[in-house]
Amino acid sequence: MLDTFEPVVRFLAQYQGDDYVKGWAELWDKGDLIDWDKGFPNPALEDTLIQRRSIIGDPMVKDAWGSQYRRKALVPGCGRGVDVLLLASFGYDAYGLEYSHSAVETCKKEESKRGGRYPIRNPEFGRGSVTFLQGDFFDDAWLDALGLLQNAFDLVYDHSFFCALDPSLRPRWALRQTQLLVPNGHLVCLEYPRHRNPSEMGPPWTASSEDYWKHLTQPGEDVFNSKNNPIDNGLVRVAHWQPDRTHENGKDASGNIQDRVAIWCRSDKTRETVCKDC
């Protein structure tokens, strides 16, 4: 299954540290090493938006003055943008971020050609807007271009972004999530690949549930405390489960689902305590 990534692994091996995202941009510019894209959203995201609505909330809510507004969802490293189109069909104003201009153009073509595959899911909420933009996830320039400040997104979805980044960038990835979420926002992580040998070169780099746990509870840290206790700006995992459906590459050779889905929120938000190993 993961052998299809071998050309990508070889290509990105020449990029290290902060230059790693530039390697991904060059892949998009080359256009011949991105065949792993499935062309449709992971069904686990669709199920999460339906089944975990009591946690995530509705895509449209009322502000303190009773005026209704549409909540914002972000997909960093959105690929061809299919997850963005799905989120908009549920009613979110959905944003897809890519480092490469070529990737953004691919997203726009995907919306033009296949946007009709994503009908409105709830007439009460209608369809949200779709915005694809180029920018560095770790930099605020793309936020400035949108006229947004930090902590602007109600929902952030990470499927294959965490595992696509060099592991040296994971502390910054986690810290950045805390800078993007509104105070009562949620981060949804589809954990993949959970059982790849850690010694194998990525991407995709192995991404165990423990990897997400230690980084998101202690964002920005390179050395983790022995008890993995969340620090003040850490996130709290409020739900963690095996999805009923996922892409085929999220299953083992016997067809057993290996992926997991986790929902995270700020530690200073009142939530029912959830154990680490749930």
C-alpha atoms as a PDB file:
ATOM      1  CA  MET A   1       0.000   0.000   0.000  1.00  0.00           C
ATOM      2  CA  LEU A   2       2.602   2.528   1.078  1.00  0.00           C
ATOM      3  CA  ASP A   3       5.002   1.499  -1.687  1.00  0.00           C
ATOM      4  CA  THR A   4       3.175   3.918  -3.987  1.00  0.00           C
ATOM      5  CA  PHE A   5       4.780   6.724  -1.981  1.00  0.00           C
ATOM      6  CA  GLU A   6       8.344   5.654  -2.783  1.00  0.00           C
ATOM      7  CA  PRO A   7       8.959   8.247  -5.549  1.00  0.00           C
ATOM      8  CA  VAL A   8       7.714  10.987  -3.216  1.00  0.00           C
ATOM      9  CA  VAL A   9       9.956   9.759  -0.401  1.00  0.00           C
ATOM     10  CA  ARG A  10      13.004   9.839  -2.668  1.00  0.00           C
ATOM     11  CA  PHE A  11      12.185  13.306  -3.974  1.00  0.00           C
ATOM     12  CA  LEU A  12      11.545  14.890  -0.570  1.00  0.00           C
ATOM     13  CA  ALA A  13      14.641  13.334   1.008  1.00  0.00           C
ATOM     14  CA  GLN A  14      16.649  16.248  -0.416  1.00  0.00           C
ATOM     15  CA  TYR A  15      14.652  18.767   1.636  1.00  0.00           C
ATOM     16  CA  GLN A  16      15.218  19.257   5.340  1.00  0.00           C
ATOM     17  CA  GLY A  17      13.653  21.303   8.126  1.00  0.00           C
ATOM     18  CA  ASP A  18      11.831  24.455   7.076  1.00  0.00           C
ATOM     19  CA  ASP A  19      12.575  23.721   3.400  1.00  0.00           C
ATOM     20  CA  TYR A  20      10.412  20.603   3.534  1.00  0.00           C
ATOM     21  CA  VAL A  21       7.242  22.461   2.541  1.00  0.00           C
ATOM     22  CA  LYS A  22       9.107  23.888  -0.454  1.00  0.00           C
ATOM     23  CA  GLY A  23       9.702  20.315  -1.562  1.00  0.00           C
ATOM     24  CA  TRP A  24       5.975  19.685  -1.527  1.00  0.00           C
ATOM     25  CA  ALA A  25       5.441  22.811  -3.631  1.00  0.00           C
ATOM     26  CA  GLU A  26       7.929  21.520  -6.191  1.00  0.00           C
ATOM     27  CA  LEU A  27       6.082  18.213  -6.294  1.00  0.00           C
ATOM     28  CA  TRP A  28       2.920  20.048  -7.245  1.00  0.00           C
ATOM     29  CA  ASP A  29       4.801  22.073  -9.839  1.00  0.00           C
ATOM     30  CA  LYS A  30       6.193  18.864 -11.358  1.00  0.00           C
ATOM     31  CA  GLY A  31       2.700  17.385 -11.427  1.00  0.00           C
ATOM     32  CA  ASP A  32       3.826  13.792 -11.861  1.00  0.00           C
ATOM     33  CA  LEU A  33       4.260  12.557  -8.295  1.00  0.00           C
ATOM     34  CA  ILE A  34       0.867  13.237  -6.740  1.00  0.00           C
ATOM     35  CA  ASP A  35      -1.058  10.159  -7.862  1.00  0.00           C
ATOM     36  CA  TRP A  36      -1.809   9.134  -4.271  1.00  0.00           C
ATOM     37  CA  ASP A  37      -4.703  11.615  -4.026  1.00  0.00           C
ATOM     38  CA  LYS A  38      -7.977   9.658  -3.760  1.00  0.00           C
ATOM     39  CA  GLY A  39     -10.094  12.251  -5.530  1.00  0.00           C
ATOM     40  CA  PHE A  40     -12.833  12.210  -2.897  1.00  0.00           C
ATOM     41  CA  PRO A  41     -13.047  13.027   0.826  1.00  0.00           C
ATOM     42  CA  ASN A  42     -12.355  10.392   3.416  1.00  0.00           C
ATOM     43  CA  PRO A  43     -15.801   9.100   4.454  1.00  0.00           C
ATOM     44  CA  ALA A  44     -14.686   9.335   8.077  1.00  0.00           C
ATOM     45  CA  LEU A  45     -14.891  13.140   7.798  1.00  0.00           C
ATOM     46  CA  GLU A  46     -18.452  13.005   6.487  1.00  0.00           C
ATOM     47  CA  ASP A  47     -19.457  10.636   9.302  1.00  0.00           C
ATOM     48  CA  THR A  48     -17.772  12.859  11.884  1.00  0.00           C
ATOM     49  CA  LEU A  49     -19.667  15.942  10.734  1.00  0.00           C
ATOM     50  CA  ILE A  50     -22.933  14.020  11.062  1.00  0.00           C
ATOM     51  CA  GLN A  51     -22.359  11.805  14.085  1.00  0.00           C
ATOM     52  CA  ARG A  52     -20.319  14.197  16.249  1.00  0.00           C
ATOM     53  CA  ARG A  53     -22.401  17.305  15.646  1.00  0.00           C
ATOM     54  CA  SER A  54     -23.170  17.474  19.370  1.00  0.00           C
ATOM     55  CA  ILE A  55     -19.464  18.130  19.981  1.00  0.00           C
ATOM     56  CA  ILE A  56     -18.510  20.180  16.941  1.00  0.00           C
ATOM     57  CA  GLY A  57     -21.705  22.221  16.766  1.00  0.00           C
ATOM     58  CA  ASP A  58     -23.620  23.591  13.795  1.00  0.00           C
ATOM     59  CA  PRO A  59     -22.043  25.385  10.833  1.00  0.00           C
ATOM     60  CA  MET A  60     -24.273  28.408  11.487  1.00  0.00           C
ATOM     61  CA  VAL A  61     -24.718  29.953  14.938  1.00  0.00           C
ATOM     62  CA  LYS A  62     -25.910  33.188  16.531  1.00  0.00           C
ATOM     63  CA  ASP A  63     -23.610  35.785  18.031  1.00  0.00           C
ATOM     64  CA  ALA A  64     -24.151  37.622  21.325  1.00  0.00           C
ATOM     65  CA  TRP A  65     -26.557  40.025  19.609  1.00  0.00           C
ATOM     66  CA  GLY A  66     -28.668  37.270  18.069  1.00  0.00           C
ATOM     67  CA  SER A  67     -27.344  37.694  14.540  1.00  0.00           C
ATOM     68  CA  GLN A  68     -26.678  34.468  12.668  1.00  0.00           C
ATOM     69  CA  TYR A  69     -23.285  33.903  11.089  1.00  0.00           C
ATOM     70  CA  ARG A  70     -21.511  31.119   9.273  1.00  0.00           C
ATOM     71  CA  ARG A  71     -18.601  29.416  11.002  1.00  0.00           C
ATOM     72  CA  LYS A  72     -15.206  29.018   9.349  1.00  0.00           C
ATOM     73  CA  ALA A  73     -13.454  25.714   8.623  1.00  0.00           C
ATOM     74  CA  LEU A  74      -9.826  25.341   7.517  1.00  0.00           C
ATOM     75  CA  VAL A  75      -8.077  22.446   5.767  1.00  0.00           C
ATOM     76  CA  PRO A  76      -4.287  22.984   5.764  1.00  0.00           C
ATOM     77  CA  GLY A  77      -2.483  21.046   3.046  1.00  0.00           C
ATOM     78  CA  CYS A  78      -5.826  20.503   1.339  1.00  0.00           C
ATOM     79  CA  GLY A  79      -4.491  18.676  -1.732  1.00  0.00           C
ATOM     80  CA  ARG A  80      -7.085  18.844  -4.509  1.00  0.00           C
ATOM     81  CA  GLY A  81      -9.536  20.516  -2.150  1.00  0.00           C
ATOM     82  CA  VAL A  82     -12.147  17.774  -1.887  1.00  0.00           C
ATOM     83  CA  ASP A  83     -12.457  18.101   1.902  1.00  0.00           C
ATOM     84  CA  VAL A  84     -13.002  21.841   1.508  1.00  0.00           C
ATOM     85  CA  LEU A  85     -15.858  21.210  -0.921  1.00  0.00           C
ATOM     86  CA  LEU A  86     -17.427  18.735   1.497  1.00  0.00           C
ATOM     87  CA  LEU A  87     -17.230  21.158   4.427  1.00  0.00           C
ATOM     88  CA  ALA A  88     -18.871  23.890   2.353  1.00  0.00           C
ATOM     89  CA  SER A  89     -21.687  21.486   1.449  1.00  0.00           C
ATOM     90  CA  PHE A  90     -22.350  21.079   5.172  1.00  0.00           C
ATOM     91  CA  GLY A  91     -22.663  24.859   5.532  1.00  0.00           C
ATOM     92  CA  TYR A  92     -19.207  26.042   6.628  1.00  0.00           C
ATOM     93  CA  ASP A  93     -17.320  28.865   4.994  1.00  0.00           C
ATOM     94  CA  ALA A  94     -14.487  26.554   4.016  1.00  0.00           C
ATOM     95  CA  TYR A  95     -10.864  27.492   3.361  1.00  0.00           C
ATOM     96  CA  GLY A  96      -8.223  25.313   1.747  1.00  0.00           C
ATOM     97  CA  LEU A  97      -4.568  26.261   2.227  1.00  0.00           C
ATOM     98  CA  GLU A  98      -1.685  25.048   0.069  1.00  0.00           C
ATOM     99  CA  TYR A  99       1.937  26.168  -0.166  1.00  0.00           C
ATOM    100  CA  SER A 100       1.999  25.747  -3.938  1.00  0.00           C
ATOM    101  CA  HIS A 101       0.329  28.002  -6.510  1.00  0.00           C
ATOM    102  CA  SER A 102      -0.014  24.924  -8.722  1.00  0.00           C
ATOM    103  CA  ALA A 103      -1.927  23.133  -5.981  1.00  0.00           C
ATOM    104  CA  VAL A 104      -4.312  26.067  -5.577  1.00  0.00           C
ATOM    105  CA  GLU A 105      -5.010  26.071  -9.309  1.00  0.00           C
ATOM    106  CA  THR A 106      -5.678  22.327  -9.109  1.00  0.00           C
ATOM    107  CA  CYS A 107      -8.168  22.968  -6.304  1.00  0.00           C
ATOM    108  CA  LYS A 108     -10.002  25.572  -8.350  1.00  0.00           C
ATOM    109  CA  LYS A 109     -10.219  23.188 -11.307  1.00  0.00           C
ATOM    110  CA  GLU A 110     -11.553  20.477  -8.995  1.00  0.00           C
ATOM    111  CA  GLU A 111     -14.268  22.827  -7.765  1.00  0.00           C
ATOM    112  CA  SER A 112     -15.177  23.810 -11.316  1.00  0.00           C
ATOM    113  CA  LYS A 113     -15.313  20.247 -12.640  1.00  0.00           C
ATOM    114  CA  ARG A 114     -16.669  18.296  -9.699  1.00  0.00           C
ATOM    115  CA  GLY A 115     -18.253  20.770  -7.305  1.00  0.00           C
ATOM    116  CA  GLY A 116     -21.633  19.323  -8.237  1.00  0.00           C
ATOM    117  CA  ARG A 117     -20.705  16.122  -6.418  1.00  0.00           C
ATOM    118  CA  TYR A 118     -21.264  17.919  -3.125  1.00  0.00           C
ATOM    119  CA  PRO A 119     -24.965  18.780  -2.747  1.00  0.00           C
ATOM    120  CA  ILE A 120     -26.197  20.900   0.157  1.00  0.00           C
ATOM    121  CA  ARG A 121     -26.494  18.619   3.162  1.00  0.00           C
ATOM    122  CA  ASN A 122     -28.971  20.648   5.192  1.00  0.00           C
ATOM    123  CA  PRO A 123     -31.307  23.267   3.662  1.00  0.00           C
ATOM    124  CA  GLU A 124     -31.412  25.019   7.039  1.00  0.00           C
ATOM    125  CA  PHE A 125     -27.740  25.948   6.687  1.00  0.00           C
ATOM    126  CA  GLY A 126     -27.326  26.021   2.927  1.00  0.00           C
ATOM    127  CA  ARG A 127     -23.909  26.036   1.295  1.00  0.00           C
ATOM    128  CA  GLY A 128     -20.932  27.904   2.650  1.00  0.00           C
ATOM    129  CA  SER A 129     -18.334  29.694   0.566  1.00  0.00           C
ATOM    130  CA  VAL A 130     -15.200  28.025  -0.795  1.00  0.00           C
ATOM    131  CA  THR A 131     -11.826  29.786  -0.708  1.00  0.00           C
ATOM    132  CA  PHE A 132      -8.555  28.281  -1.887  1.00  0.00           C
ATOM    133  CA  LEU A 133      -5.395  30.217  -1.153  1.00  0.00           C
ATOM    134  CA  GLN A 134      -1.648  29.899  -1.332  1.00  0.00           C
ATOM    135  CA  GLY A 135       0.421  30.426   1.776  1.00  0.00           C
ATOM    136  CA  ASP A 136       2.774  29.046   4.380  1.00  0.00           C
ATOM    137  CA  PHE A 137       0.797  27.368   7.159  1.00  0.00           C
ATOM    138  CA  PHE A 138       3.319  28.614   9.720  1.00  0.00           C
ATOM    139  CA  ASP A 139       3.198  32.253   8.600  1.00  0.00           C
ATOM    140  CA  ASP A 140       0.450  34.868   9.055  1.00  0.00           C
ATOM    141  CA  ALA A 141       0.697  36.388   5.557  1.00  0.00           C
ATOM    142  CA  TRP A 142      -2.234  34.338   4.221  1.00  0.00           C
ATOM    143  CA  LEU A 143      -4.341  35.374   7.212  1.00  0.00           C
ATOM    144  CA  ASP A 144      -3.499  39.003   6.490  1.00  0.00           C
ATOM    145  CA  ALA A 145      -4.538  38.505   2.861  1.00  0.00           C
ATOM    146  CA  LEU A 146      -7.930  37.273   4.069  1.00  0.00           C
ATOM    147  CA  GLY A 147      -8.280  40.145   6.524  1.00  0.00           C
ATOM    148  CA  LEU A 148      -8.280  37.693   9.421  1.00  0.00           C
ATOM    149  CA  LEU A 149      -6.424  37.665  12.715  1.00  0.00           C
ATOM    150  CA  GLN A 150      -5.102  34.587  14.464  1.00  0.00           C
ATOM    151  CA  ASN A 151      -7.652  32.384  16.244  1.00  0.00           C
ATOM    152  CA  ALA A 152     -10.132  32.811  13.385  1.00  0.00           C
ATOM    153  CA  PHE A 153     -11.274  29.250  12.644  1.00  0.00           C
ATOM    154  CA  ASP A 154     -14.041  27.309  14.340  1.00  0.00           C
ATOM    155  CA  LEU A 155     -12.986  23.998  12.818  1.00  0.00           C
ATOM    156  CA  VAL A 156      -9.627  22.791  11.521  1.00  0.00           C
ATOM    157  CA  TYR A 157      -9.408  19.420   9.777  1.00  0.00           C
ATOM    158  CA  ASP A 158      -6.135  17.510   9.488  1.00  0.00           C
ATOM    159  CA  HIS A 159      -6.073  14.263   7.569  1.00  0.00           C
ATOM    160  CA  SER A 160      -2.798  13.875   5.721  1.00  0.00           C
ATOM    161  CA  PHE A 161      -1.032  17.112   6.643  1.00  0.00           C
ATOM    162  CA  PHE A 162       0.507  15.960   9.939  1.00  0.00           C
ATOM    163  CA  CYS A 163       1.937  12.810   8.340  1.00  0.00           C
ATOM    164  CA  ALA A 164       3.169  14.737   5.286  1.00  0.00           C
ATOM    165  CA  LEU A 165       5.381  17.087   7.308  1.00  0.00           C
ATOM    166  CA  ASP A 166       8.877  16.181   8.406  1.00  0.00           C
ATOM    167  CA  PRO A 167       8.563  15.124  12.079  1.00  0.00           C
ATOM    168  CA  SER A 168      10.926  17.948  13.060  1.00  0.00           C
ATOM    169  CA  LEU A 169       8.073  20.347  12.209  1.00  0.00           C
ATOM    170  CA  ARG A 170       5.512  18.697  14.461  1.00  0.00           C
ATOM    171  CA  PRO A 171       6.075  20.952  17.499  1.00  0.00           C
ATOM    172  CA  ARG A 172       5.408  23.994  15.288  1.00  0.00           C
ATOM    173  CA  TRP A 173       2.415  22.238  13.687  1.00  0.00           C
ATOM    174  CA  ALA A 174       0.828  21.728  17.106  1.00  0.00           C
ATOM    175  CA  LEU A 175       1.545  25.266  18.295  1.00  0.00           C
ATOM    176  CA  ARG A 176       0.090  26.669  15.096  1.00  0.00           C
ATOM    177  CA  GLN A 177      -3.178  24.810  15.682  1.00  0.00           C
ATOM    178  CA  THR A 178      -3.590  26.672  18.975  1.00  0.00           C
ATOM    179  CA  GLN A 179      -2.995  29.952  17.127  1.00  0.00           C
ATOM    180  CA  LEU A 180      -5.659  29.230  14.497  1.00  0.00           C
ATOM    181  CA  LEU A 181      -8.596  27.960  16.565  1.00  0.00           C
ATOM    182  CA  VAL A 182     -11.177  30.305  18.041  1.00  0.00           C
ATOM    183  CA  PRO A 183     -11.490  29.896  21.841  1.00  0.00           C
ATOM    184  CA  ASN A 184     -14.308  27.348  21.484  1.00  0.00           C
ATOM    185  CA  GLY A 185     -13.073  25.813  18.218  1.00  0.00           C
ATOM    186  CA  HIS A 186     -12.283  22.197  17.415  1.00  0.00           C
ATOM    187  CA  LEU A 187      -9.455  20.407  15.665  1.00  0.00           C
ATOM    188  CA  VAL A 188     -10.447  17.152  13.944  1.00  0.00           C
ATOM    189  CA  CYS A 189      -7.551  14.787  13.224  1.00  0.00           C
ATOM    190  CA  LEU A 190      -7.884  11.659  11.133  1.00  0.00           C
ATOM    191  CA  GLU A 191      -4.909   9.691  12.432  1.00  0.00           C
ATOM    192  CA  TYR A 192      -3.003   7.999   9.599  1.00  0.00           C
ATOM    193  CA  PRO A 193      -0.793   5.974   9.190  1.00  0.00           C
ATOM    194  CA  ARG A 194      -0.891   4.770  12.796  1.00  0.00           C
ATOM    195  CA  HIS A 195       1.037   1.522  12.474  1.00  0.00           C
ATOM    196  CA  ARG A 196       3.791   2.286  10.025  1.00  0.00           C
ATOM    197  CA  ASN A 197       7.287   1.397  11.209  1.00  0.00           C
ATOM    198  CA  PRO A 198       8.748   4.593  12.760  1.00  0.00           C
ATOM    199  CA  SER A 199      12.126   3.772  11.203  1.00  0.00           C
ATOM    200  CA  GLU A 200      10.691   4.032   7.675  1.00  0.00           C
ATOM    201  CA  MET A 201      11.231   7.250   5.811  1.00  0.00           C
ATOM    202  CA  GLY A 202       8.184   9.305   4.931  1.00  0.00           C
ATOM    203  CA  PRO A 203       6.014  10.726   3.724  1.00  0.00           C
ATOM    204  CA  PRO A 204       3.730   9.534   4.976  1.00  0.00           C
ATOM    205  CA  TRP A 205       5.575   9.564   8.274  1.00  0.00           C
ATOM    206  CA  THR A 206       4.204   7.296  10.959  1.00  0.00           C
ATOM    207  CA  ALA A 207       1.495   9.066  12.952  1.00  0.00           C
ATOM    208  CA  SER A 208       0.447   7.117  16.019  1.00  0.00           C
ATOM    209  CA  SER A 209      -2.276   8.267  18.373  1.00  0.00           C
ATOM    210  CA  GLU A 210       0.480   8.866  20.905  1.00  0.00           C
ATOM    211  CA  ASP A 211       2.275  11.189  18.466  1.00  0.00           C
ATOM    212  CA  TYR A 212      -0.801  13.399  18.175  1.00  0.00           C
ATOM    213  CA  TRP A 213      -1.338  13.233  21.934  1.00  0.00           C
ATOM    214  CA  LYS A 214       2.111  14.355  22.996  1.00  0.00           C
ATOM    215  CA  HIS A 215       2.331  17.196  20.474  1.00  0.00           C
ATOM    216  CA  LEU A 216      -1.160  18.625  20.912  1.00  0.00           C
ATOM    217  CA  THR A 217      -1.126  18.457  24.699  1.00  0.00           C
ATOM    218  CA  GLN A 218       2.307  20.129  24.739  1.00  0.00           C
ATOM    219  CA  PRO A 219       2.351  22.322  21.603  1.00  0.00           C
ATOM    220  CA  GLY A 220       5.667  23.824  20.594  1.00  0.00           C
ATOM    221  CA  GLU A 221       7.654  21.555  22.892  1.00  0.00           C
ATOM    222  CA  ASP A 222      10.588  19.475  21.658  1.00  0.00           C
ATOM    223  CA  VAL A 223      11.047  17.663  24.975  1.00  0.00           C
ATOM    224  CA  PHE A 224       7.920  16.264  26.584  1.00  0.00           C
ATOM    225  CA  ASN A 225       7.262  15.892  30.290  1.00  0.00           C
ATOM    226  CA  SER A 226       7.317  12.295  31.435  1.00  0.00           C
ATOM    227  CA  LYS A 227       3.617  12.145  32.331  1.00  0.00           C
ATOM    228  CA  ASN A 228       2.482  13.748  29.066  1.00  0.00           C
ATOM    229  CA  ASN A 229       0.423  16.200  31.102  1.00  0.00           C
ATOM    230  CA  PRO A 230      -1.092  19.045  29.045  1.00  0.00           C
ATOM    231  CA  ILE A 231       0.584  22.421  29.451  1.00  0.00           C
ATOM    232  CA  ASP A 232      -1.392  25.651  29.812  1.00  0.00           C
ATOM    233  CA  ASN A 233      -1.825  26.269  26.080  1.00  0.00           C
ATOM    234  CA  GLY A 234      -2.242  22.585  25.241  1.00  0.00           C
ATOM    235  CA  LEU A 235      -5.301  21.048  23.636  1.00  0.00           C
ATOM    236  CA  VAL A 236      -7.588  18.464  25.202  1.00  0.00           C
ATOM    237  CA  ARG A 237      -8.818  15.404  23.370  1.00  0.00           C
ATOM    238  CA  VAL A 238     -12.577  15.226  23.881  1.00  0.00           C
ATOM    239  CA  ALA A 239     -13.351  12.276  21.614  1.00  0.00           C
ATOM    240  CA  HIS A 240     -11.337   9.429  20.092  1.00  0.00           C
ATOM    241  CA  TRP A 241     -12.714   6.499  18.125  1.00  0.00           C
ATOM    242  CA  GLN A 242     -12.314   4.032  15.279  1.00  0.00           C
ATOM    243  CA  PRO A 243     -14.342   5.233  12.298  1.00  0.00           C
ATOM    244  CA  ASP A 244     -16.860   2.953  10.614  1.00  0.00           C
ATOM    245  CA  ARG A 245     -15.524   3.975   7.203  1.00  0.00           C
ATOM    246  CA  THR A 246     -12.219   5.218   5.850  1.00  0.00           C
ATOM    247  CA  HIS A 247     -10.066   5.088   2.733  1.00  0.00           C
ATOM    248  CA  GLU A 248      -8.659   1.694   1.795  1.00  0.00           C
ATOM    249  CA  ASN A 249      -5.125   2.763   2.706  1.00  0.00           C
ATOM    250  CA  GLY A 250      -6.349   3.208   6.281  1.00  0.00           C
ATOM    251  CA  LYS A 251      -6.943  -0.541   6.564  1.00  0.00           C
ATOM    252  CA  ASP A 252      -4.606  -3.479   7.106  1.00  0.00           C
ATOM    253  CA  ALA A 253      -4.202  -6.418   4.725  1.00  0.00           C
ATOM    254  CA  SER A 254      -7.234  -8.132   6.267  1.00  0.00           C
ATOM    255  CA  GLY A 255      -9.451  -5.100   5.751  1.00  0.00           C
ATOM    256  CA  ASN A 256      -9.440  -4.044   9.399  1.00  0.00           C
ATOM    257  CA  ILE A 257      -9.635  -0.296   9.914  1.00  0.00           C
ATOM    258  CA  GLN A 258      -6.431   1.078  11.437  1.00  0.00           C
ATOM    259  CA  ASP A 259      -7.294   4.784  11.293  1.00  0.00           C
ATOM    260  CA  ARG A 260      -8.674   6.675  14.272  1.00  0.00           C
ATOM    261  CA  VAL A 261     -10.438  10.021  14.526  1.00  0.00           C
ATOM    262  CA  ALA A 262      -9.844  12.487  17.355  1.00  0.00           C
ATOM    263  CA  ILE A 263     -11.503  15.781  18.239  1.00  0.00           C
ATOM    264  CA  TRP A 264      -9.495  18.338  20.187  1.00  0.00           C
ATOM    265  CA  CYS A 265     -10.339  21.652  21.838  1.00  0.00           C
ATOM    266  CA  ARG A 266      -8.624  24.155  24.108  1.00  0.00           C
ATOM    267  CA  SER A 267      -7.764  22.986  27.596  1.00  0.00           C
ATOM    268  CA  ASP A 268      -9.338  26.099  29.114  1.00  0.00           C
ATOM    269  CA  LYS A 269     -12.739  25.177  27.685  1.00  0.00           C
ATOM    270  CA  THR A 270     -15.085  23.388  30.085  1.00  0.00           C
ATOM    271  CA  ARG A 271     -15.409  19.814  28.891  1.00  0.00           C
ATOM    272  CA  GLU A 272     -16.012  16.420  30.381  1.00  0.00           C
ATOM    273  CA  THR A 273     -12.663  14.907  31.286  1.00  0.00           C
ATOM    274  CA  VAL A 274     -11.633  12.271  28.810  1.00  0.00           C
ATOM    275  CA  CYS A 275      -8.949   9.739  29.661  1.00  0.00           C
ATOM    276  CA  LYS A 276      -5.814   9.569  27.563  1.00  0.00           C
ATOM    277  CA  ASP A 277      -6.331   5.953  26.523  1.00  0.00           C
ATOM    278  CA  CYS A 278     -10.009   6.141  25.564  1.00  0.00           C
END
